[in-house]
């Protein structure tokens, strides 16, 4: 960066640039916005970041982000603890919870198998999932990894690891989005929709 930019400004731009989806221009805009903003906004942001790391942890059961351990979902006796939805990231838990239809529990892998990015099965929470299933209290595992090569590779690996156990394995259905036009959908999605068709 230019020597005309003070070091604290440069450091914040670099910090913002390290975030996913934030390029140098966005990082610069955010930094200069905070410079002009009231002091309270910057202090609130700094406090929120400090609290984020100090007050959150991973649930010892499902590995979702939580303040209390076990998390509210794992400790909810109304949830069906015999059904586990396996997701890649904590944000995927929010997506399933928004539907209001799923009443089971979760297992967060914290990623997907990706040899290109140096992520193997040992970098994920797969062993912990196998331990949960091996306890004998699980009837169904719903593999809810993202569609794509990495999600599919992760799903196949989990399927292989859980084969010795008498547990029902299912995968989220894939196909056409509601309101989407067939002519604009990619061929892989159309193929999956054909393969997953249901009777009417």
N, C-alpha and C. Protein backbone atom coordinates (compact mmCIF):
# COMPACT_ATOMS: atom_id res chain seq x y z
N UNK A 1 0.85 -1.19 0.00
CA UNK A 1 0.00 0.00 0.00
C UNK A 1 0.88 1.24 0.00
N UNK A 2 0.27 2.33 -0.42
CA UNK A 2 1.00 3.58 -0.51
C UNK A 2 1.40 4.10 0.86
N UNK A 3 2.56 4.78 0.91
CA UNK A 3 3.01 5.35 2.18
C UNK A 3 2.16 6.55 2.57
N UNK A 4 1.29 7.02 1.64
CA UNK A 4 0.39 8.13 1.93
C UNK A 4 -0.77 7.68 2.84
N UNK A 5 -0.95 6.37 2.95
CA UNK A 5 -2.04 5.85 3.79
C UNK A 5 -1.46 5.48 5.15
N UNK A 6 -2.02 6.02 6.23
CA UNK A 6 -1.52 5.69 7.57
C UNK A 6 -1.59 4.19 7.85
N UNK A 7 -0.66 3.71 8.66
CA UNK A 7 -0.55 2.28 8.94
C UNK A 7 -1.82 1.68 9.54
N UNK A 8 -2.51 2.34 10.51
CA UNK A 8 -3.76 1.75 11.04
C UNK A 8 -4.81 1.54 9.95
N UNK A 9 -4.87 2.47 9.00
CA UNK A 9 -5.83 2.35 7.89
C UNK A 9 -5.45 1.16 7.02
N UNK A 10 -4.18 1.06 6.69
CA UNK A 10 -3.68 -0.05 5.87
C UNK A 10 -3.96 -1.39 6.54
N UNK A 11 -3.73 -1.46 7.84
CA UNK A 11 -3.93 -2.73 8.56
C UNK A 11 -5.40 -3.16 8.54
N UNK A 12 -6.31 -2.18 8.69
CA UNK A 12 -7.73 -2.53 8.67
C UNK A 12 -8.16 -2.95 7.26
N UNK A 13 -7.66 -2.27 6.24
CA UNK A 13 -7.97 -2.67 4.86
C UNK A 13 -7.49 -4.10 4.62
N UNK A 14 -6.29 -4.42 5.07
CA UNK A 14 -5.76 -5.78 4.91
C UNK A 14 -6.59 -6.80 5.69
N UNK A 15 -7.04 -6.40 6.88
CA UNK A 15 -7.87 -7.31 7.69
C UNK A 15 -9.21 -7.59 7.01
N UNK A 16 -9.86 -6.54 6.48
CA UNK A 16 -11.11 -6.73 5.76
C UNK A 16 -10.89 -7.57 4.50
N UNK A 17 -9.77 -7.34 3.80
CA UNK A 17 -9.47 -8.07 2.55
C UNK A 17 -9.29 -9.56 2.79
N UNK A 18 -8.91 -9.93 4.01
CA UNK A 18 -8.72 -11.35 4.32
C UNK A 18 -10.05 -12.10 4.48
N UNK A 19 -11.16 -11.36 4.58
CA UNK A 19 -12.47 -11.99 4.73
C UNK A 19 -12.94 -12.54 3.38
N UNK A 20 -13.68 -13.65 3.38
CA UNK A 20 -14.16 -14.22 2.11
C UNK A 20 -15.14 -13.28 1.43
N UNK A 21 -14.97 -13.10 0.14
CA UNK A 21 -15.88 -12.27 -0.64
C UNK A 21 -15.62 -10.78 -0.55
N UNK A 22 -14.58 -10.38 0.19
CA UNK A 22 -14.26 -8.95 0.33
C UNK A 22 -12.97 -8.68 -0.43
N UNK A 23 -13.08 -7.93 -1.51
CA UNK A 23 -11.90 -7.56 -2.30
C UNK A 23 -11.29 -6.27 -1.77
N UNK A 24 -10.18 -5.85 -2.37
CA UNK A 24 -9.49 -4.64 -1.91
C UNK A 24 -10.36 -3.38 -1.95
N UNK A 25 -11.20 -3.24 -2.99
CA UNK A 25 -12.04 -2.04 -3.09
C UNK A 25 -13.09 -2.01 -1.99
N UNK A 26 -13.74 -3.13 -1.76
CA UNK A 26 -14.75 -3.20 -0.69
C UNK A 26 -14.09 -2.97 0.67
N UNK A 27 -12.92 -3.57 0.86
CA UNK A 27 -12.19 -3.40 2.12
C UNK A 27 -11.86 -1.93 2.35
N UNK A 28 -11.45 -1.24 1.30
CA UNK A 28 -11.13 0.19 1.41
C UNK A 28 -12.38 1.00 1.73
N UNK A 29 -13.50 0.68 1.05
CA UNK A 29 -14.76 1.40 1.31
C UNK A 29 -15.20 1.22 2.76
N UNK A 30 -15.13 -0.02 3.25
CA UNK A 30 -15.53 -0.28 4.64
C UNK A 30 -14.64 0.49 5.62
N UNK A 31 -13.35 0.49 5.37
CA UNK A 31 -12.41 1.17 6.26
C UNK A 31 -12.67 2.67 6.29
N UNK A 32 -12.82 3.27 5.13
CA UNK A 32 -13.05 4.73 5.08
C UNK A 32 -14.43 5.10 5.61
N UNK A 33 -15.40 4.17 5.47
CA UNK A 33 -16.71 4.41 6.06
C UNK A 33 -16.59 4.48 7.59
N UNK A 34 -15.83 3.52 8.16
CA UNK A 34 -15.65 3.50 9.61
C UNK A 34 -14.89 4.72 10.11
N UNK A 35 -14.00 5.25 9.31
CA UNK A 35 -13.27 6.47 9.69
C UNK A 35 -14.21 7.65 9.83
N UNK A 36 -15.22 7.73 8.95
CA UNK A 36 -16.16 8.85 8.98
C UNK A 36 -17.33 8.62 9.94
N UNK A 37 -17.57 7.37 10.27
CA UNK A 37 -18.73 7.02 11.11
C UNK A 37 -18.52 7.48 12.54
N UNK A 38 -19.62 7.62 13.30
CA UNK A 38 -19.49 7.98 14.72
C UNK A 38 -18.64 6.94 15.46
N UNK A 39 -17.93 7.39 16.48
CA UNK A 39 -17.06 6.51 17.26
C UNK A 39 -17.82 5.30 17.82
N UNK A 40 -19.08 5.50 18.18
CA UNK A 40 -19.87 4.42 18.78
C UNK A 40 -19.97 3.22 17.84
N UNK A 41 -20.10 3.48 16.54
CA UNK A 41 -20.23 2.38 15.57
C UNK A 41 -18.95 1.54 15.55
N UNK A 42 -17.80 2.18 15.49
CA UNK A 42 -16.53 1.45 15.48
C UNK A 42 -16.32 0.69 16.78
N UNK A 43 -16.67 1.32 17.90
CA UNK A 43 -16.51 0.66 19.21
C UNK A 43 -17.45 -0.55 19.33
N UNK A 44 -18.68 -0.41 18.83
CA UNK A 44 -19.63 -1.53 18.85
C UNK A 44 -19.12 -2.69 18.00
N UNK A 45 -18.56 -2.35 16.83
CA UNK A 45 -18.02 -3.39 15.95
C UNK A 45 -16.84 -4.11 16.62
N UNK A 46 -15.95 -3.35 17.22
CA UNK A 46 -14.79 -3.94 17.91
C UNK A 46 -15.24 -4.84 19.06
N UNK A 47 -16.23 -4.37 19.82
CA UNK A 47 -16.73 -5.16 20.96
C UNK A 47 -17.41 -6.44 20.47
N UNK A 48 -18.19 -6.32 19.37
CA UNK A 48 -18.88 -7.50 18.83
C UNK A 48 -17.87 -8.55 18.35
N UNK A 49 -16.78 -8.10 17.72
CA UNK A 49 -15.75 -9.02 17.26
C UNK A 49 -15.04 -9.70 18.44
N UNK A 50 -14.76 -8.93 19.47
CA UNK A 50 -14.11 -9.49 20.66
C UNK A 50 -15.02 -10.52 21.32
N UNK A 51 -16.31 -10.19 21.47
CA UNK A 51 -17.26 -11.11 22.09
C UNK A 51 -17.49 -12.36 21.25
N UNK A 52 -17.42 -12.20 19.93
CA UNK A 52 -17.62 -13.34 19.03
C UNK A 52 -16.63 -14.45 19.36
N UNK A 53 -15.39 -14.10 19.53
CA UNK A 53 -14.36 -15.10 19.82
C UNK A 53 -14.36 -15.52 21.28
N UNK A 54 -14.68 -14.59 22.18
CA UNK A 54 -14.60 -14.89 23.61
C UNK A 54 -15.80 -15.69 24.12
N UNK A 55 -16.98 -15.49 23.53
CA UNK A 55 -18.19 -16.06 24.10
C UNK A 55 -18.78 -17.24 23.33
N UNK A 56 -18.24 -17.54 22.15
CA UNK A 56 -18.78 -18.66 21.39
C UNK A 56 -17.83 -19.85 21.41
N UNK A 57 -18.40 -21.01 21.23
CA UNK A 57 -17.63 -22.26 21.17
C UNK A 57 -18.39 -23.25 20.31
N UNK A 58 -17.81 -24.41 20.10
CA UNK A 58 -18.49 -25.46 19.35
C UNK A 58 -19.21 -26.37 20.32
N UNK A 59 -20.43 -26.74 19.96
CA UNK A 59 -21.19 -27.70 20.76
C UNK A 59 -20.42 -29.02 20.78
N UNK A 60 -20.30 -29.63 21.93
CA UNK A 60 -19.54 -30.88 22.07
C UNK A 60 -20.28 -32.07 21.45
N UNK A 61 -21.56 -31.88 21.10
CA UNK A 61 -22.35 -32.97 20.51
C UNK A 61 -22.40 -32.83 18.99
N UNK A 62 -22.88 -31.67 18.50
CA UNK A 62 -23.12 -31.50 17.06
C UNK A 62 -22.10 -30.62 16.36
N UNK A 63 -21.29 -29.89 17.12
CA UNK A 63 -20.24 -29.01 16.60
C UNK A 63 -20.79 -27.76 15.91
N UNK A 64 -22.04 -27.41 16.22
CA UNK A 64 -22.57 -26.13 15.77
C UNK A 64 -22.00 -25.05 16.69
N UNK A 65 -22.04 -23.81 16.24
CA UNK A 65 -21.55 -22.70 17.05
C UNK A 65 -22.59 -22.40 18.11
N UNK A 66 -22.14 -22.21 19.35
CA UNK A 66 -23.07 -22.00 20.46
C UNK A 66 -22.43 -21.16 21.56
N UNK A 67 -23.26 -20.69 22.46
CA UNK A 67 -22.78 -20.03 23.66
C UNK A 67 -22.79 -21.05 24.80
N UNK A 68 -23.86 -21.86 24.85
CA UNK A 68 -23.99 -22.90 25.88
C UNK A 68 -23.64 -24.26 25.29
N UNK A 69 -23.11 -25.14 26.12
CA UNK A 69 -22.75 -26.47 25.67
C UNK A 69 -23.44 -27.50 26.56
N UNK A 70 -24.27 -28.39 26.01
CA UNK A 70 -24.61 -28.52 24.60
C UNK A 70 -25.49 -27.38 24.11
N UNK A 71 -25.57 -27.25 22.79
CA UNK A 71 -26.31 -26.14 22.18
C UNK A 71 -27.81 -26.31 22.43
N UNK A 72 -28.60 -25.24 22.20
CA UNK A 72 -30.05 -25.32 22.44
C UNK A 72 -30.75 -26.41 21.64
N UNK A 73 -30.28 -26.71 20.43
CA UNK A 73 -30.93 -27.75 19.63
C UNK A 73 -30.66 -29.13 20.23
N UNK A 74 -29.40 -29.40 20.58
CA UNK A 74 -29.05 -30.70 21.16
C UNK A 74 -29.70 -30.93 22.52
N UNK A 75 -29.90 -29.85 23.27
CA UNK A 75 -30.49 -30.01 24.61
C UNK A 75 -32.01 -29.92 24.62
N UNK A 76 -32.63 -29.70 23.46
CA UNK A 76 -34.08 -29.62 23.35
C UNK A 76 -34.67 -31.04 23.32
N UNK A 77 -35.37 -31.40 24.37
CA UNK A 77 -35.92 -32.77 24.48
C UNK A 77 -37.06 -33.02 23.49
N UNK A 78 -37.60 -31.96 22.88
CA UNK A 78 -38.68 -32.13 21.90
C UNK A 78 -38.13 -32.51 20.52
N UNK A 79 -36.83 -32.35 20.31
CA UNK A 79 -36.23 -32.69 19.02
C UNK A 79 -36.04 -34.21 18.93
N UNK A 80 -36.08 -34.71 17.71
CA UNK A 80 -35.89 -36.15 17.46
C UNK A 80 -34.38 -36.44 17.39
N UNK A 81 -33.80 -36.89 18.48
CA UNK A 81 -32.36 -37.14 18.55
C UNK A 81 -31.94 -38.37 17.77
N UNK A 82 -32.91 -39.14 17.25
CA UNK A 82 -32.58 -40.34 16.48
C UNK A 82 -32.36 -40.02 15.00
N UNK A 83 -32.64 -38.77 14.61
CA UNK A 83 -32.44 -38.34 13.22
C UNK A 83 -31.41 -37.22 13.20
N UNK A 84 -30.33 -37.44 12.45
CA UNK A 84 -29.24 -36.44 12.36
C UNK A 84 -29.11 -35.96 10.93
N UNK A 85 -29.17 -34.64 10.75
CA UNK A 85 -28.88 -34.04 9.45
C UNK A 85 -27.42 -33.60 9.46
N UNK A 86 -26.64 -34.12 8.52
CA UNK A 86 -25.22 -33.79 8.43
C UNK A 86 -25.05 -32.64 7.44
N UNK A 87 -24.53 -31.52 7.93
CA UNK A 87 -24.35 -30.33 7.09
C UNK A 87 -22.89 -29.92 7.08
N UNK A 88 -22.52 -29.12 6.08
CA UNK A 88 -21.13 -28.69 5.96
C UNK A 88 -20.78 -27.56 6.92
N UNK A 89 -21.66 -26.57 7.06
CA UNK A 89 -21.34 -25.37 7.82
C UNK A 89 -22.49 -24.98 8.75
N UNK A 90 -22.20 -24.18 9.79
CA UNK A 90 -23.26 -23.70 10.68
C UNK A 90 -24.37 -22.94 9.95
N UNK A 91 -24.04 -22.24 8.88
CA UNK A 91 -25.07 -21.52 8.12
C UNK A 91 -26.09 -22.47 7.51
N UNK A 92 -25.67 -23.71 7.22
CA UNK A 92 -26.59 -24.70 6.67
C UNK A 92 -27.64 -25.11 7.71
N UNK A 93 -27.27 -25.09 8.98
CA UNK A 93 -28.23 -25.35 10.06
C UNK A 93 -29.33 -24.30 10.02
N UNK A 94 -28.93 -23.03 9.87
CA UNK A 94 -29.91 -21.95 9.80
C UNK A 94 -30.86 -22.13 8.62
N UNK A 95 -30.32 -22.56 7.48
CA UNK A 95 -31.15 -22.76 6.29
C UNK A 95 -32.21 -23.83 6.54
N UNK A 96 -31.83 -24.93 7.17
CA UNK A 96 -32.80 -25.99 7.46
C UNK A 96 -33.78 -25.57 8.55
N UNK A 97 -33.30 -24.84 9.54
CA UNK A 97 -34.17 -24.38 10.63
C UNK A 97 -35.23 -23.40 10.12
N UNK A 98 -34.88 -22.59 9.12
CA UNK A 98 -35.83 -21.61 8.57
C UNK A 98 -37.06 -22.27 7.97
N UNK A 99 -36.90 -23.52 7.51
CA UNK A 99 -38.06 -24.20 6.91
C UNK A 99 -39.11 -24.53 7.96
N UNK A 100 -38.68 -24.73 9.21
CA UNK A 100 -39.61 -25.10 10.28
C UNK A 100 -40.10 -26.54 10.16
N UNK A 101 -39.60 -27.28 9.16
CA UNK A 101 -40.10 -28.63 8.91
C UNK A 101 -39.23 -29.70 9.54
N UNK A 102 -37.98 -29.42 9.80
CA UNK A 102 -37.06 -30.43 10.32
C UNK A 102 -37.02 -30.37 11.84
N UNK A 103 -37.27 -31.50 12.48
CA UNK A 103 -37.32 -31.55 13.94
C UNK A 103 -36.25 -32.46 14.55
N UNK A 104 -35.30 -32.90 13.72
CA UNK A 104 -34.22 -33.74 14.22
C UNK A 104 -33.09 -32.87 14.76
N UNK A 105 -31.91 -33.47 14.88
CA UNK A 105 -30.72 -32.76 15.34
C UNK A 105 -29.72 -32.68 14.19
N UNK A 106 -28.57 -32.08 14.46
CA UNK A 106 -27.59 -31.82 13.40
C UNK A 106 -26.22 -32.37 13.75
N UNK A 107 -25.39 -32.42 12.71
CA UNK A 107 -23.96 -32.66 12.88
C UNK A 107 -23.26 -31.77 11.85
N UNK A 108 -22.45 -30.84 12.34
CA UNK A 108 -21.77 -29.87 11.46
C UNK A 108 -20.35 -30.35 11.19
N UNK A 109 -20.03 -30.55 9.93
CA UNK A 109 -18.72 -31.06 9.53
C UNK A 109 -17.63 -29.99 9.54
N UNK A 110 -18.01 -28.75 9.35
CA UNK A 110 -17.08 -27.62 9.21
C UNK A 110 -16.24 -27.75 7.94
N UNK A 111 -16.94 -28.01 6.84
CA UNK A 111 -16.29 -28.06 5.54
C UNK A 111 -16.70 -29.29 4.75
N UNK A 112 -16.01 -29.48 3.63
CA UNK A 112 -16.24 -30.63 2.77
C UNK A 112 -14.89 -31.13 2.28
N UNK A 113 -14.84 -32.40 1.93
CA UNK A 113 -13.59 -32.97 1.42
C UNK A 113 -13.20 -32.26 0.14
N UNK A 114 -11.99 -31.72 0.12
CA UNK A 114 -11.51 -30.98 -1.04
C UNK A 114 -9.99 -31.12 -1.13
N UNK A 115 -9.52 -32.15 -1.82
CA UNK A 115 -8.07 -32.36 -1.94
C UNK A 115 -7.34 -31.15 -2.53
N UNK A 116 -8.00 -30.43 -3.43
CA UNK A 116 -7.39 -29.25 -4.05
C UNK A 116 -7.06 -28.19 -3.00
N UNK A 117 -7.93 -28.06 -2.01
CA UNK A 117 -7.72 -27.08 -0.94
C UNK A 117 -7.04 -27.69 0.29
N UNK A 118 -6.60 -28.93 0.17
CA UNK A 118 -5.91 -29.57 1.29
C UNK A 118 -6.82 -30.00 2.42
N UNK A 119 -8.11 -30.21 2.13
CA UNK A 119 -9.06 -30.63 3.17
C UNK A 119 -9.41 -32.10 2.96
N UNK A 120 -8.97 -32.91 3.90
CA UNK A 120 -9.27 -34.34 3.86
C UNK A 120 -10.27 -34.71 4.94
N UNK A 121 -10.68 -35.97 4.99
CA UNK A 121 -11.66 -36.41 5.99
C UNK A 121 -11.23 -36.11 7.42
N UNK A 122 -9.92 -36.18 7.69
CA UNK A 122 -9.43 -35.95 9.05
C UNK A 122 -9.54 -34.49 9.48
N UNK A 123 -9.75 -33.58 8.51
CA UNK A 123 -9.91 -32.17 8.84
C UNK A 123 -11.35 -31.83 9.18
N UNK A 124 -12.25 -32.79 8.99
CA UNK A 124 -13.68 -32.57 9.24
C UNK A 124 -14.12 -33.37 10.47
N UNK A 125 -15.35 -33.16 10.89
CA UNK A 125 -15.89 -33.82 12.08
C UNK A 125 -16.59 -35.14 11.70
N UNK A 126 -15.95 -35.92 10.83
CA UNK A 126 -16.55 -37.18 10.37
C UNK A 126 -16.37 -38.28 11.41
N UNK A 127 -15.21 -38.37 12.03
CA UNK A 127 -14.99 -39.39 13.07
C UNK A 127 -16.00 -39.24 14.20
N UNK A 128 -16.27 -37.98 14.55
CA UNK A 128 -17.25 -37.71 15.62
C UNK A 128 -18.65 -38.15 15.21
N UNK A 129 -18.98 -38.00 13.92
CA UNK A 129 -20.28 -38.47 13.42
C UNK A 129 -20.37 -39.98 13.54
N UNK A 130 -19.32 -40.68 13.14
CA UNK A 130 -19.30 -42.14 13.23
C UNK A 130 -19.47 -42.58 14.69
N UNK A 131 -18.83 -41.87 15.61
CA UNK A 131 -18.98 -42.19 17.04
C UNK A 131 -20.42 -42.01 17.50
N UNK A 132 -21.08 -40.95 17.02
CA UNK A 132 -22.48 -40.72 17.40
C UNK A 132 -23.36 -41.87 16.89
N UNK A 133 -23.12 -42.30 15.65
CA UNK A 133 -23.92 -43.38 15.07
C UNK A 133 -23.60 -44.70 15.76
N UNK A 134 -22.32 -44.91 16.10
CA UNK A 134 -21.91 -46.15 16.75
C UNK A 134 -22.53 -46.32 18.13
N UNK A 135 -22.97 -45.23 18.74
CA UNK A 135 -23.60 -45.31 20.06
C UNK A 135 -24.89 -46.11 20.03
N UNK A 136 -25.48 -46.26 18.81
CA UNK A 136 -26.68 -47.07 18.66
C UNK A 136 -27.99 -46.34 18.85
N UNK A 137 -27.95 -45.05 19.13
CA UNK A 137 -29.18 -44.29 19.37
C UNK A 137 -29.70 -43.58 18.12
N UNK A 138 -29.04 -43.77 16.99
CA UNK A 138 -29.39 -43.05 15.76
C UNK A 138 -30.09 -44.00 14.79
N UNK A 139 -31.23 -43.57 14.24
CA UNK A 139 -31.97 -44.39 13.28
C UNK A 139 -31.77 -43.92 11.85
N UNK A 140 -31.64 -42.60 11.65
CA UNK A 140 -31.48 -42.07 10.29
C UNK A 140 -30.44 -40.96 10.27
N UNK A 141 -29.60 -40.99 9.23
CA UNK A 141 -28.65 -39.92 8.97
C UNK A 141 -29.01 -39.32 7.62
N UNK A 142 -29.36 -38.04 7.63
CA UNK A 142 -29.69 -37.33 6.41
C UNK A 142 -28.42 -36.58 5.97
N UNK A 143 -27.87 -36.97 4.84
CA UNK A 143 -26.68 -36.29 4.36
C UNK A 143 -27.13 -35.05 3.57
N UNK A 144 -26.86 -33.89 4.15
CA UNK A 144 -27.32 -32.62 3.58
C UNK A 144 -26.13 -31.77 3.15
N UNK A 145 -25.12 -32.43 2.56
CA UNK A 145 -23.98 -31.68 2.04
C UNK A 145 -24.41 -30.96 0.77
N UNK A 146 -23.67 -29.93 0.40
CA UNK A 146 -24.01 -29.13 -0.77
C UNK A 146 -23.84 -29.93 -2.06
N UNK A 147 -24.71 -29.68 -3.05
CA UNK A 147 -24.53 -30.36 -4.34
C UNK A 147 -23.25 -29.86 -5.00
N UNK A 148 -22.54 -30.75 -5.64
CA UNK A 148 -21.27 -30.40 -6.27
C UNK A 148 -20.24 -31.47 -5.97
N UNK A 149 -19.08 -31.35 -6.59
CA UNK A 149 -18.06 -32.39 -6.44
C UNK A 149 -17.63 -32.60 -5.00
N UNK A 150 -17.37 -31.51 -4.27
CA UNK A 150 -16.89 -31.63 -2.90
C UNK A 150 -17.97 -32.21 -1.99
N UNK A 151 -19.20 -31.71 -2.13
CA UNK A 151 -20.30 -32.22 -1.32
C UNK A 151 -20.60 -33.68 -1.61
N UNK A 152 -20.53 -34.05 -2.91
CA UNK A 152 -20.77 -35.44 -3.30
C UNK A 152 -19.66 -36.36 -2.77
N UNK A 153 -18.41 -35.90 -2.86
CA UNK A 153 -17.29 -36.71 -2.35
C UNK A 153 -17.42 -36.92 -0.85
N UNK A 154 -17.83 -35.87 -0.15
CA UNK A 154 -18.02 -35.97 1.30
C UNK A 154 -19.16 -36.93 1.62
N UNK A 155 -20.25 -36.84 0.87
CA UNK A 155 -21.40 -37.73 1.08
C UNK A 155 -21.02 -39.19 0.85
N UNK A 156 -20.25 -39.46 -0.21
CA UNK A 156 -19.83 -40.83 -0.49
C UNK A 156 -18.90 -41.36 0.59
N UNK A 157 -18.03 -40.51 1.10
CA UNK A 157 -17.12 -40.93 2.16
C UNK A 157 -17.90 -41.26 3.43
N UNK A 158 -18.86 -40.41 3.78
CA UNK A 158 -19.69 -40.65 4.97
C UNK A 158 -20.48 -41.94 4.80
N UNK A 159 -21.03 -42.14 3.61
CA UNK A 159 -21.80 -43.36 3.34
C UNK A 159 -20.93 -44.60 3.56
N UNK A 160 -19.70 -44.56 3.08
CA UNK A 160 -18.78 -45.70 3.25
C UNK A 160 -18.44 -45.92 4.72
N UNK A 161 -18.23 -44.82 5.47
CA UNK A 161 -17.88 -44.93 6.88
C UNK A 161 -19.03 -45.46 7.74
N UNK A 162 -20.27 -45.17 7.31
CA UNK A 162 -21.43 -45.58 8.11
C UNK A 162 -22.03 -46.91 7.67
N UNK A 163 -21.47 -47.52 6.62
CA UNK A 163 -21.98 -48.78 6.10
C UNK A 163 -22.05 -49.90 7.14
N UNK A 164 -21.07 -50.02 8.03
CA UNK A 164 -21.14 -51.12 9.02
C UNK A 164 -22.27 -51.00 10.04
N UNK A 165 -22.91 -49.85 10.11
CA UNK A 165 -23.92 -49.62 11.15
C UNK A 165 -25.32 -49.74 10.56
N UNK A 166 -26.24 -50.24 11.35
CA UNK A 166 -27.62 -50.40 10.88
C UNK A 166 -28.37 -49.09 11.06
N UNK A 167 -28.06 -48.15 10.19
CA UNK A 167 -28.70 -46.85 10.22
C UNK A 167 -29.19 -46.52 8.82
N UNK A 168 -30.36 -45.90 8.74
CA UNK A 168 -30.92 -45.51 7.46
C UNK A 168 -30.17 -44.27 6.96
N UNK A 169 -29.63 -44.34 5.74
CA UNK A 169 -28.93 -43.20 5.14
C UNK A 169 -29.77 -42.60 4.04
N UNK A 170 -30.01 -41.28 4.12
CA UNK A 170 -30.75 -40.60 3.07
C UNK A 170 -29.97 -39.36 2.65
N UNK A 171 -30.35 -38.80 1.50
CA UNK A 171 -29.69 -37.61 0.98
C UNK A 171 -30.78 -36.62 0.59
N UNK A 172 -30.53 -35.33 0.80
CA UNK A 172 -31.51 -34.33 0.39
C UNK A 172 -31.78 -34.45 -1.10
N UNK A 173 -33.04 -34.31 -1.49
CA UNK A 173 -33.39 -34.36 -2.92
C UNK A 173 -32.83 -33.12 -3.62
N UNK A 174 -32.54 -33.28 -4.90
CA UNK A 174 -32.05 -32.15 -5.70
C UNK A 174 -32.87 -32.05 -6.96
N UNK A 175 -33.02 -30.86 -7.45
CA UNK A 175 -33.78 -30.70 -8.68
C UNK A 175 -34.03 -29.25 -9.00
N UNK A 176 -35.18 -29.01 -9.61
CA UNK A 176 -35.51 -27.68 -10.11
C UNK A 176 -35.99 -26.77 -8.99
N UNK A 177 -35.54 -25.52 -8.98
CA UNK A 177 -36.03 -24.57 -7.97
C UNK A 177 -37.45 -24.13 -8.28
N UNK A 178 -38.22 -23.84 -7.25
CA UNK A 178 -39.59 -23.34 -7.44
C UNK A 178 -39.52 -22.00 -8.19
N UNK A 179 -40.38 -21.85 -9.19
CA UNK A 179 -40.44 -20.60 -9.93
C UNK A 179 -39.39 -20.49 -11.02
N UNK A 180 -38.52 -21.51 -11.13
CA UNK A 180 -37.47 -21.47 -12.16
C UNK A 180 -37.99 -21.97 -13.49
N UNK A 181 -37.46 -21.43 -14.57
CA UNK A 181 -37.83 -21.87 -15.91
C UNK A 181 -36.87 -22.97 -16.35
N UNK A 182 -37.40 -24.04 -16.90
CA UNK A 182 -36.62 -25.19 -17.32
C UNK A 182 -35.52 -24.80 -18.31
N UNK A 183 -35.82 -23.85 -19.19
CA UNK A 183 -34.84 -23.48 -20.23
C UNK A 183 -33.59 -22.82 -19.66
N UNK A 184 -33.67 -22.27 -18.45
CA UNK A 184 -32.52 -21.57 -17.87
C UNK A 184 -31.72 -22.43 -16.88
N UNK A 185 -32.18 -23.65 -16.63
CA UNK A 185 -31.55 -24.51 -15.64
C UNK A 185 -30.43 -25.31 -16.29
N UNK A 186 -29.30 -25.47 -15.58
CA UNK A 186 -28.17 -26.21 -16.15
C UNK A 186 -28.52 -27.69 -16.30
N UNK A 187 -27.79 -28.39 -17.17
CA UNK A 187 -28.11 -29.77 -17.52
C UNK A 187 -27.96 -30.74 -16.35
N UNK A 188 -27.00 -30.48 -15.45
CA UNK A 188 -26.82 -31.37 -14.29
C UNK A 188 -28.04 -31.31 -13.38
N UNK A 189 -28.57 -30.10 -13.15
CA UNK A 189 -29.75 -29.94 -12.31
C UNK A 189 -30.96 -30.60 -12.96
N UNK A 190 -31.11 -30.48 -14.28
CA UNK A 190 -32.22 -31.12 -14.99
C UNK A 190 -32.10 -32.64 -14.87
N UNK A 191 -30.87 -33.16 -15.02
CA UNK A 191 -30.64 -34.60 -14.89
C UNK A 191 -31.02 -35.08 -13.50
N UNK A 192 -30.60 -34.35 -12.47
CA UNK A 192 -30.92 -34.75 -11.09
C UNK A 192 -32.43 -34.69 -10.86
N UNK A 193 -33.09 -33.70 -11.45
CA UNK A 193 -34.54 -33.57 -11.30
C UNK A 193 -35.24 -34.76 -11.96
N UNK A 194 -34.73 -35.20 -13.11
CA UNK A 194 -35.30 -36.35 -13.79
C UNK A 194 -35.10 -37.61 -12.94
N UNK A 195 -33.89 -37.78 -12.42
CA UNK A 195 -33.59 -38.98 -11.63
C UNK A 195 -34.39 -39.00 -10.32
N UNK A 196 -34.70 -37.84 -9.77
CA UNK A 196 -35.41 -37.77 -8.49
C UNK A 196 -36.89 -37.53 -8.63
N UNK A 197 -37.45 -37.79 -9.83
CA UNK A 197 -38.87 -37.50 -10.04
C UNK A 197 -39.74 -38.38 -9.15
N UNK A 198 -40.94 -37.85 -8.82
CA UNK A 198 -41.86 -38.57 -7.94
C UNK A 198 -43.20 -38.75 -8.62
N UNK A 199 -43.99 -39.67 -8.14
CA UNK A 199 -45.33 -39.93 -8.71
C UNK A 199 -46.27 -38.80 -8.33
N UNK A 200 -47.25 -38.52 -9.18
CA UNK A 200 -48.26 -37.51 -8.87
C UNK A 200 -49.65 -38.11 -8.97
